[in-house]
Amino acid sequence: MNANAPALRRDAFNRLVLTDADGREHVGVVVVRAFPIGAPEEGISLLDADGHERAWIERLAECPAPQRELIMTALQQREFMPVLRRLKSVSSFATPSTWEVETDRGPTSFVLKGEEDIRRLSAELLIVNDAHGVQYLIRDLGAMDRASRKLLDRFL
């Protein structure tokens, strides 16, 4: 989105409104990342209420600050994937087990139903699904403290 690109704003009902290059307004726009884990700041689509793409943002950093803030807020409201920073304890090495963890959003606990709910996306990148479907992201396994890695190793 550059100076000639569509404009984005919130209406009185706090819905995102996209005004396209032809001056048409699209109310209730949804912001979606193309690559939410691998390239979260690149490839962002603005979809109308019917799911049709109305604008494509190659790189979020190239958007004007007010537009970027609206987009980031919309993404945060839509996406919920806490970053798992530290495992404090697990109730059992057999599943299901209750995990006490620290995330970027604070401490929490969740139930891991089975080892298959831990997916390794790369050597350092993992996603852990809890029993309620919440996904926790481990961005850098090597950066976690030794005790956390040791607990994780029992499930991998």
C-alpha atoms as a PDB file:
ATOM      1  CA  MET A   1       0.000   0.000   0.000  1.00  0.00           C
ATOM      2  CA  ASN A   2       1.546   3.270  -1.084  1.00  0.00           C
ATOM      3  CA  ALA A   3       0.244   6.816  -1.545  1.00  0.00           C
ATOM      4  CA  ASN A   4      -1.964   5.691  -4.475  1.00  0.00           C
ATOM      5  CA  ALA A   5      -3.109   2.568  -2.699  1.00  0.00           C
ATOM      6  CA  PRO A   6      -6.498   1.956  -1.120  1.00  0.00           C
ATOM      7  CA  ALA A   7      -7.286   3.724   2.158  1.00  0.00           C
ATOM      8  CA  LEU A   8      -8.123   1.851   5.342  1.00  0.00           C
ATOM      9  CA  ARG A   9     -10.085   3.192   8.322  1.00  0.00           C
ATOM     10  CA  ARG A  10     -12.469   2.119  11.097  1.00  0.00           C
ATOM     11  CA  ASP A  11     -16.158   3.060  10.938  1.00  0.00           C
ATOM     12  CA  ALA A  12     -18.457   4.014  13.837  1.00  0.00           C
ATOM     13  CA  PHE A  13     -19.039   0.307  14.538  1.00  0.00           C
ATOM     14  CA  ASN A  14     -15.277  -0.385  14.692  1.00  0.00           C
ATOM     15  CA  ARG A  15     -15.346  -2.349  11.424  1.00  0.00           C
ATOM     16  CA  LEU A  16     -12.471  -2.001   8.978  1.00  0.00           C
ATOM     17  CA  VAL A  17     -13.457  -0.101   5.845  1.00  0.00           C
ATOM     18  CA  LEU A  18     -11.304  -0.258   2.734  1.00  0.00           C
ATOM     19  CA  THR A  19     -11.728   2.400   0.069  1.00  0.00           C
ATOM     20  CA  ASP A  20     -10.308   0.986  -3.146  1.00  0.00           C
ATOM     21  CA  ALA A  21      -8.627   2.849  -6.020  1.00  0.00           C
ATOM     22  CA  ASP A  22     -12.036   3.322  -7.697  1.00  0.00           C
ATOM     23  CA  GLY A  23     -13.499   4.974  -4.585  1.00  0.00           C
ATOM     24  CA  ARG A  24     -15.689   1.991  -3.608  1.00  0.00           C
ATOM     25  CA  GLU A  25     -15.945   1.219   0.078  1.00  0.00           C
ATOM     26  CA  HIS A  26     -15.730  -2.327   1.359  1.00  0.00           C
ATOM     27  CA  VAL A  27     -17.083  -2.602   4.912  1.00  0.00           C
ATOM     28  CA  GLY A  28     -16.009  -5.391   7.273  1.00  0.00           C
ATOM     29  CA  VAL A  29     -12.631  -6.039   5.705  1.00  0.00           C
ATOM     30  CA  VAL A  30     -10.650  -8.939   7.179  1.00  0.00           C
ATOM     31  CA  VAL A  31      -6.848  -8.844   7.350  1.00  0.00           C
ATOM     32  CA  VAL A  32      -5.065 -12.171   6.716  1.00  0.00           C
ATOM     33  CA  ARG A  33      -1.385 -13.090   6.687  1.00  0.00           C
ATOM     34  CA  ALA A  34      -0.250 -15.286   3.806  1.00  0.00           C
ATOM     35  CA  PHE A  35       2.652 -16.719   5.825  1.00  0.00           C
ATOM     36  CA  PRO A  36       1.866 -16.078   9.524  1.00  0.00           C
ATOM     37  CA  ILE A  37       4.837 -18.007  10.907  1.00  0.00           C
ATOM     38  CA  GLY A  38       7.502 -17.963   8.196  1.00  0.00           C
ATOM     39  CA  ALA A  39       7.105 -14.341   7.047  1.00  0.00           C
ATOM     40  CA  PRO A  40       4.626 -12.536   9.323  1.00  0.00           C
ATOM     41  CA  GLU A  41       5.505  -9.066   8.015  1.00  0.00           C
ATOM     42  CA  GLU A  42       5.112  -9.958   4.332  1.00  0.00           C
ATOM     43  CA  GLY A  43       2.197 -10.949   2.133  1.00  0.00           C
ATOM     44  CA  ILE A  44      -0.877  -9.535   3.825  1.00  0.00           C
ATOM     45  CA  SER A  45      -4.270  -9.716   2.141  1.00  0.00           C
ATOM     46  CA  LEU A  46      -7.305  -7.524   2.771  1.00  0.00           C
ATOM     47  CA  LEU A  47     -10.478  -9.518   2.120  1.00  0.00           C
ATOM     48  CA  ASP A  48     -14.027  -8.211   1.798  1.00  0.00           C
ATOM     49  CA  ALA A  49     -16.948  -9.729   3.738  1.00  0.00           C
ATOM     50  CA  ASP A  50     -17.412 -12.337   0.977  1.00  0.00           C
ATOM     51  CA  GLY A  51     -13.766 -13.450   1.162  1.00  0.00           C
ATOM     52  CA  HIS A  52     -12.637 -11.754  -2.063  1.00  0.00           C
ATOM     53  CA  GLU A  53      -9.213 -10.163  -1.989  1.00  0.00           C
ATOM     54  CA  ARG A  54      -9.493  -6.391  -2.336  1.00  0.00           C
ATOM     55  CA  ALA A  55      -5.896  -5.384  -1.609  1.00  0.00           C
ATOM     56  CA  TRP A  56      -2.505  -7.058  -1.256  1.00  0.00           C
ATOM     57  CA  ILE A  57       0.306  -5.703   0.891  1.00  0.00           C
ATOM     58  CA  GLU A  58       3.705  -7.001  -0.134  1.00  0.00           C
ATOM     59  CA  ARG A  59       5.528  -5.720   2.971  1.00  0.00           C
ATOM     60  CA  LEU A  60       3.876  -4.288   6.058  1.00  0.00           C
ATOM     61  CA  ALA A  61       6.861  -1.992   6.711  1.00  0.00           C
ATOM     62  CA  GLU A  62       6.074  -0.105   3.484  1.00  0.00           C
ATOM     63  CA  CYS A  63       2.617   0.967   4.715  1.00  0.00           C
ATOM     64  CA  PRO A  64       2.123   4.426   6.226  1.00  0.00           C
ATOM     65  CA  ALA A  65       2.209   4.292  10.039  1.00  0.00           C
ATOM     66  CA  PRO A  66      -1.552   4.844  10.613  1.00  0.00           C
ATOM     67  CA  GLN A  67      -2.455   2.089   8.123  1.00  0.00           C
ATOM     68  CA  ARG A  68       0.189  -0.229   9.583  1.00  0.00           C
ATOM     69  CA  GLU A  69      -1.241   0.270  13.089  1.00  0.00           C
ATOM     70  CA  LEU A  70      -4.775  -0.535  11.905  1.00  0.00           C
ATOM     71  CA  ILE A  71      -3.530  -3.662  10.162  1.00  0.00           C
ATOM     72  CA  MET A  72      -1.468  -4.834  13.141  1.00  0.00           C
ATOM     73  CA  THR A  73      -4.400  -4.298  15.516  1.00  0.00           C
ATOM     74  CA  ALA A  74      -6.707  -6.249  13.198  1.00  0.00           C
ATOM     75  CA  LEU A  75      -4.183  -9.088  12.981  1.00  0.00           C
ATOM     76  CA  GLN A  76      -3.744  -9.225  16.752  1.00  0.00           C
ATOM     77  CA  GLN A  77      -7.513  -9.406  17.221  1.00  0.00           C
ATOM     78  CA  ARG A  78      -7.816 -12.183  14.631  1.00  0.00           C
ATOM     79  CA  GLU A  79      -4.770 -14.247  15.535  1.00  0.00           C
ATOM     80  CA  PHE A  80      -4.008 -15.723  18.896  1.00  0.00           C
ATOM     81  CA  MET A  81      -0.771 -17.683  19.038  1.00  0.00           C
ATOM     82  CA  PRO A  82       1.122 -17.054  22.255  1.00  0.00           C
ATOM     83  CA  VAL A  83       4.875 -17.585  22.102  1.00  0.00           C
ATOM     84  CA  LEU A  84       5.932 -20.267  24.556  1.00  0.00           C
ATOM     85  CA  ARG A  85       9.045 -18.991  26.338  1.00  0.00           C
ATOM     86  CA  ARG A  86       9.579 -21.445  29.185  1.00  0.00           C
ATOM     87  CA  LEU A  87       8.168 -24.703  30.517  1.00  0.00           C
ATOM     88  CA  LYS A  88       7.929 -24.525  34.288  1.00  0.00           C
ATOM     89  CA  SER A  89       6.591 -28.039  34.822  1.00  0.00           C
ATOM     90  CA  VAL A  90       4.612 -30.912  33.351  1.00  0.00           C
ATOM     91  CA  SER A  91       2.311 -33.110  35.418  1.00  0.00           C
ATOM     92  CA  SER A  92       3.417 -36.324  33.701  1.00  0.00           C
ATOM     93  CA  PHE A  93       5.574 -37.530  30.841  1.00  0.00           C
ATOM     94  CA  ALA A  94       2.620 -39.619  29.705  1.00  0.00           C
ATOM     95  CA  THR A  95      -0.195 -37.857  27.911  1.00  0.00           C
ATOM     96  CA  PRO A  96      -2.546 -36.282  28.600  1.00  0.00           C
ATOM     97  CA  SER A  97      -0.463 -34.028  30.820  1.00  0.00           C
ATOM     98  CA  THR A  98      -0.861 -30.553  32.236  1.00  0.00           C
ATOM     99  CA  TRP A  99       1.844 -28.074  31.321  1.00  0.00           C
ATOM    100  CA  GLU A 100       2.677 -25.002  33.411  1.00  0.00           C
ATOM    101  CA  VAL A 101       4.337 -22.486  31.075  1.00  0.00           C
ATOM    102  CA  GLU A 102       5.381 -18.880  30.610  1.00  0.00           C
ATOM    103  CA  THR A 103       4.368 -17.185  27.372  1.00  0.00           C
ATOM    104  CA  ASP A 104       4.794 -13.736  25.888  1.00  0.00           C
ATOM    105  CA  ARG A 105       1.300 -13.054  27.284  1.00  0.00           C
ATOM    106  CA  GLY A 106       2.056 -14.254  30.799  1.00  0.00           C
ATOM    107  CA  PRO A 107       1.947 -17.522  32.756  1.00  0.00           C
ATOM    108  CA  THR A 108      -0.677 -20.155  31.932  1.00  0.00           C
ATOM    109  CA  SER A 109      -1.352 -23.854  32.029  1.00  0.00           C
ATOM    110  CA  PHE A 110      -2.833 -26.172  29.445  1.00  0.00           C
ATOM    111  CA  VAL A 111      -3.426 -29.848  28.737  1.00  0.00           C
ATOM    112  CA  LEU A 112      -1.407 -31.611  26.061  1.00  0.00           C
ATOM    113  CA  LYS A 113      -3.535 -34.521  24.783  1.00  0.00           C
ATOM    114  CA  GLY A 114      -0.773 -36.375  22.951  1.00  0.00           C
ATOM    115  CA  GLU A 115       2.736 -36.122  21.539  1.00  0.00           C
ATOM    116  CA  GLU A 116       1.223 -35.654  18.072  1.00  0.00           C
ATOM    117  CA  ASP A 117       0.023 -32.226  19.281  1.00  0.00           C
ATOM    118  CA  ILE A 118       3.630 -31.016  19.126  1.00  0.00           C
ATOM    119  CA  ARG A 119       4.586 -30.271  15.526  1.00  0.00           C
ATOM    120  CA  ARG A 120       8.144 -29.508  14.493  1.00  0.00           C
ATOM    121  CA  LEU A 121       8.141 -27.082  11.550  1.00  0.00           C
ATOM    122  CA  SER A 122      11.935 -26.807  11.423  1.00  0.00           C
ATOM    123  CA  ALA A 123      14.880 -27.624  13.658  1.00  0.00           C
ATOM    124  CA  GLU A 124      14.094 -24.655  15.912  1.00  0.00           C
ATOM    125  CA  LEU A 125      10.407 -23.901  15.209  1.00  0.00           C
ATOM    126  CA  LEU A 126       7.576 -25.832  16.900  1.00  0.00           C
ATOM    127  CA  ILE A 127       3.837 -25.474  17.405  1.00  0.00           C
ATOM    128  CA  VAL A 128       2.182 -26.987  20.479  1.00  0.00           C
ATOM    129  CA  ASN A 129      -1.614 -27.474  20.396  1.00  0.00           C
ATOM    130  CA  ASP A 130      -3.466 -27.659  23.677  1.00  0.00           C
ATOM    131  CA  ALA A 131      -6.647 -29.635  24.359  1.00  0.00           C
ATOM    132  CA  HIS A 132      -8.791 -26.570  23.533  1.00  0.00           C
ATOM    133  CA  GLY A 133      -7.158 -25.918  20.163  1.00  0.00           C
ATOM    134  CA  VAL A 134      -4.978 -22.996  21.265  1.00  0.00           C
ATOM    135  CA  GLN A 135      -1.652 -23.051  19.447  1.00  0.00           C
ATOM    136  CA  TYR A 136       1.558 -22.058  21.218  1.00  0.00           C
ATOM    137  CA  LEU A 137       4.575 -21.125  19.132  1.00  0.00           C
ATOM    138  CA  ILE A 138       8.171 -21.952  20.000  1.00  0.00           C
ATOM    139  CA  ARG A 139      10.204 -19.741  17.651  1.00  0.00           C
ATOM    140  CA  ASP A 140      13.686 -20.772  18.737  1.00  0.00           C
ATOM    141  CA  LEU A 141      13.997 -24.030  20.612  1.00  0.00           C
ATOM    142  CA  GLY A 142      17.736 -23.455  21.117  1.00  0.00           C
ATOM    143  CA  ALA A 143      17.083 -20.123  22.850  1.00  0.00           C
ATOM    144  CA  MET A 144      14.910 -21.715  25.533  1.00  0.00           C
ATOM    145  CA  ASP A 145      16.458 -22.451  28.912  1.00  0.00           C
ATOM    146  CA  ARG A 146      18.006 -25.868  29.470  1.00  0.00           C
ATOM    147  CA  ALA A 147      15.267 -27.124  31.813  1.00  0.00           C
ATOM    148  CA  SER A 148      12.566 -26.283  29.253  1.00  0.00           C
ATOM    149  CA  ARG A 149      14.450 -28.033  26.466  1.00  0.00           C
ATOM    150  CA  LYS A 150      14.940 -31.089  28.668  1.00  0.00           C
ATOM    151  CA  LEU A 151      11.193 -31.283  29.400  1.00  0.00           C
ATOM    152  CA  LEU A 152      10.361 -30.840  25.726  1.00  0.00           C
ATOM    153  CA  ASP A 153      12.825 -33.555  24.709  1.00  0.00           C
ATOM    154  CA  ARG A 154      10.727 -36.080  26.663  1.00  0.00           C
ATOM    155  CA  PHE A 155       7.807 -35.402  24.287  1.00  0.00           C
ATOM    156  CA  LEU A 156       9.663 -35.057  20.981  1.00  0.00           C
END
